[in-house]
Structures are given as structure tokens and as C-alpha cells.
Amino acid sequence: MRYVKGHGLQTRSRIIENASSYGLRQNGADGVSVVDLMRLAGLTHGGFYSHFDSREALVIEAFTQAMDRKVVDWLKIMKGMPVEGAGRDRRKSAAHKDK
């Protein structure tokens, strides 16, 4: 089966976005597996290593993306601009409730 040009990059971006926004944010770097991260992206774990050299490589990219988003949010706050998702529910995950 042939994929359209850019399919691999779109898939990689989807994996990173889901890991950054949901998987790692809710469970931390040690609390989520490759299987879980790929499931969040709607994929099976079999193709993971065609997109990343290691689980750690994905974790680094996902954290980098999350931090980049936060920098943009802080810059918007400093300029008095609205921040996307500012009113969302910010309850702590089960792992962070006791802290």
C-alpha cells in the first residue's frame, strides 16, 4: 500500500502531539509505555521504531513540544493576549494528587 507524500511526517507529528498533550502529561515519562503512546495516536506499537530511534527520543521530543507551547503561552500572557485552553480543567492526575 502506497502512502501519500508526507504521510510519515504527519504520523510522527501525531505521535509526538498525543504523547506531549496526553500521555506524558497525565502519567509522566516513566508512567507510559510505547504501546500506550501509540494507542493514543490511533496506531499499533509495531511501527514505532520506524518513526523514532528509541522511547527516550520520543519523550525528549514530546517534552520539547510541550515546553515550546508553554513559552508561547507565557509570551501571550505577557502581551495580554488570550491563551488557548486557558479555561480548561486543570485537575491533577492521580499520580500528582498527593503532592
C-alpha atoms as a PDB file:
ATOM      1  CA  MET A   1       0.000   0.000   0.000  1.00  0.00           C
ATOM      2  CA  ARG A   2       1.455   3.360  -1.017  1.00  0.00           C
ATOM      3  CA  TYR A   3       1.035   6.390   1.200  1.00  0.00           C
ATOM      4  CA  VAL A   4       0.732   9.973   0.074  1.00  0.00           C
ATOM      5  CA  LYS A   5       3.804  12.171   0.304  1.00  0.00           C
ATOM      6  CA  GLY A   6       4.300  13.430   3.841  1.00  0.00           C
ATOM      7  CA  HIS A   7       2.281  10.672   5.486  1.00  0.00           C
ATOM      8  CA  GLY A   8       5.227   9.583   7.630  1.00  0.00           C
ATOM      9  CA  LEU A   9       5.845  13.118   8.891  1.00  0.00           C
ATOM     10  CA  GLN A  10       2.151  13.583   9.686  1.00  0.00           C
ATOM     11  CA  THR A  11       2.105  10.301  11.587  1.00  0.00           C
ATOM     12  CA  ARG A  12       5.252  11.221  13.509  1.00  0.00           C
ATOM     13  CA  SER A  13       3.743  14.611  14.391  1.00  0.00           C
ATOM     14  CA  ARG A  14       0.537  12.940  15.579  1.00  0.00           C
ATOM     15  CA  ILE A  15       2.510  10.583  17.832  1.00  0.00           C
ATOM     16  CA  ILE A  16       4.501  13.481  19.329  1.00  0.00           C
ATOM     17  CA  GLU A  17       1.386  15.618  19.828  1.00  0.00           C
ATOM     18  CA  ASN A  18      -0.527  12.859  21.582  1.00  0.00           C
ATOM     19  CA  ALA A  19       2.456  11.948  23.745  1.00  0.00           C
ATOM     20  CA  SER A  20       3.008  15.603  24.642  1.00  0.00           C
ATOM     21  CA  SER A  21      -0.606  16.576  25.262  1.00  0.00           C
ATOM     22  CA  TYR A  22      -1.980  13.475  26.923  1.00  0.00           C
ATOM     23  CA  GLY A  23       0.287  10.524  27.601  1.00  0.00           C
ATOM     24  CA  LEU A  24       3.265  12.138  29.285  1.00  0.00           C
ATOM     25  CA  ARG A  25       1.294  14.978  30.819  1.00  0.00           C
ATOM     26  CA  GLN A  26      -1.053  12.641  32.648  1.00  0.00           C
ATOM     27  CA  ASN A  27       1.359   9.842  33.560  1.00  0.00           C
ATOM     28  CA  GLY A  28       4.891  11.236  33.446  1.00  0.00           C
ATOM     29  CA  ALA A  29       7.796   9.893  31.419  1.00  0.00           C
ATOM     30  CA  ASP A  30       8.047   6.653  33.379  1.00  0.00           C
ATOM     31  CA  GLY A  31       4.308   6.034  33.602  1.00  0.00           C
ATOM     32  CA  VAL A  32       3.503   5.399  29.957  1.00  0.00           C
ATOM     33  CA  SER A  33       4.656   2.703  27.554  1.00  0.00           C
ATOM     34  CA  VAL A  34       5.307   2.724  23.815  1.00  0.00           C
ATOM     35  CA  VAL A  35       2.111   0.697  23.412  1.00  0.00           C
ATOM     36  CA  ASP A  36       0.140   3.347  25.326  1.00  0.00           C
ATOM     37  CA  LEU A  37       1.647   6.236  23.370  1.00  0.00           C
ATOM     38  CA  MET A  38       0.962   4.615  20.026  1.00  0.00           C
ATOM     39  CA  ARG A  39      -2.575   3.736  21.085  1.00  0.00           C
ATOM     40  CA  LEU A  40      -3.179   7.421  21.884  1.00  0.00           C
ATOM     41  CA  ALA A  41      -2.149   8.243  18.320  1.00  0.00           C
ATOM     42  CA  GLY A  42      -4.503   5.587  16.941  1.00  0.00           C
ATOM     43  CA  LEU A  43      -1.665   3.314  15.836  1.00  0.00           C
ATOM     44  CA  THR A  44      -0.202  -0.039  16.763  1.00  0.00           C
ATOM     45  CA  HIS A  45       3.157  -0.230  18.518  1.00  0.00           C
ATOM     46  CA  GLY A  46       4.725  -2.164  15.645  1.00  0.00           C
ATOM     47  CA  GLY A  47       5.550   0.956  13.634  1.00  0.00           C
ATOM     48  CA  PHE A  48       7.040   2.947  16.500  1.00  0.00           C
ATOM     49  CA  TYR A  49      10.682   2.381  15.609  1.00  0.00           C
ATOM     50  CA  SER A  50      10.159   3.481  12.018  1.00  0.00           C
ATOM     51  CA  HIS A  51       9.446   6.935  13.473  1.00  0.00           C
ATOM     52  CA  PHE A  52      11.801   7.091  16.486  1.00  0.00           C
ATOM     53  CA  ASP A  53      15.165   5.614  17.417  1.00  0.00           C
ATOM     54  CA  SER A  54      14.031   4.964  20.969  1.00  0.00           C
ATOM     55  CA  ARG A  55      11.317   5.637  23.521  1.00  0.00           C
ATOM     56  CA  GLU A  56      13.614   8.236  25.073  1.00  0.00           C
ATOM     57  CA  ALA A  57      13.851  10.069  21.723  1.00  0.00           C
ATOM     58  CA  LEU A  58      10.062  10.401  21.661  1.00  0.00           C
ATOM     59  CA  VAL A  59       9.970  11.534  25.297  1.00  0.00           C
ATOM     60  CA  ILE A  60      12.519  14.262  24.556  1.00  0.00           C
ATOM     61  CA  GLU A  61      10.584  15.493  21.510  1.00  0.00           C
ATOM     62  CA  ALA A  62       7.263  15.405  23.364  1.00  0.00           C
ATOM     63  CA  PHE A  63       8.636  17.358  26.333  1.00  0.00           C
ATOM     64  CA  THR A  64      10.297  19.839  23.971  1.00  0.00           C
ATOM     65  CA  GLN A  65       6.990  20.423  22.194  1.00  0.00           C
ATOM     66  CA  ALA A  66       5.156  20.864  25.491  1.00  0.00           C
ATOM     67  CA  MET A  67       7.733  23.378  26.713  1.00  0.00           C
ATOM     68  CA  ASP A  68       7.620  25.280  23.413  1.00  0.00           C
ATOM     69  CA  ARG A  69       3.832  25.559  23.809  1.00  0.00           C
ATOM     70  CA  LYS A  70       4.275  26.898  27.343  1.00  0.00           C
ATOM     71  CA  VAL A  71       6.774  29.529  26.188  1.00  0.00           C
ATOM     72  CA  VAL A  72       4.274  30.717  23.572  1.00  0.00           C
ATOM     73  CA  ASP A  73       1.528  30.819  26.231  1.00  0.00           C
ATOM     74  CA  TRP A  74       3.700  32.860  28.613  1.00  0.00           C
ATOM     75  CA  LEU A  75       4.613  35.301  25.851  1.00  0.00           C
ATOM     76  CA  LYS A  76       0.916  35.749  25.086  1.00  0.00           C
ATOM     77  CA  ILE A  77       0.141  36.313  28.766  1.00  0.00           C
ATOM     78  CA  MET A  78       2.872  38.938  28.972  1.00  0.00           C
ATOM     79  CA  LYS A  79       1.347  40.738  25.979  1.00  0.00           C
ATOM     80  CA  GLY A  80      -2.187  40.466  27.390  1.00  0.00           C
ATOM     81  CA  MET A  81      -3.335  38.106  24.643  1.00  0.00           C
ATOM     82  CA  PRO A  82      -5.745  35.205  25.237  1.00  0.00           C
ATOM     83  CA  VAL A  83      -4.172  31.799  25.756  1.00  0.00           C
ATOM     84  CA  GLU A  84      -5.715  28.767  24.050  1.00  0.00           C
ATOM     85  CA  GLY A  85      -7.277  26.413  26.600  1.00  0.00           C
ATOM     86  CA  ALA A  86      -6.829  28.856  29.481  1.00  0.00           C
ATOM     87  CA  GLY A  87     -10.191  27.902  30.979  1.00  0.00           C
ATOM     88  CA  ARG A  88      -9.709  24.145  30.740  1.00  0.00           C
ATOM     89  CA  ASP A  89      -9.915  21.836  33.703  1.00  0.00           C
ATOM     90  CA  ARG A  90      -6.527  21.718  35.395  1.00  0.00           C
ATOM     91  CA  ARG A  91      -7.165  18.933  37.903  1.00  0.00           C
ATOM     92  CA  LYS A  92      -4.101  16.960  38.818  1.00  0.00           C
ATOM     93  CA  SER A  93      -3.659  13.410  37.643  1.00  0.00           C
ATOM     94  CA  ALA A  94      -3.937  10.594  40.169  1.00  0.00           C
ATOM     95  CA  ALA A  95      -0.133  10.393  40.348  1.00  0.00           C
ATOM     96  CA  HIS A  96       0.131  14.061  41.395  1.00  0.00           C
ATOM     97  CA  LYS A  97      -2.791  14.383  43.822  1.00  0.00           C
ATOM     98  CA  ASP A  98      -0.731  13.550  46.901  1.00  0.00           C
ATOM     99  CA  LYS A  99       1.965  16.131  46.164  1.00  0.00           C
END
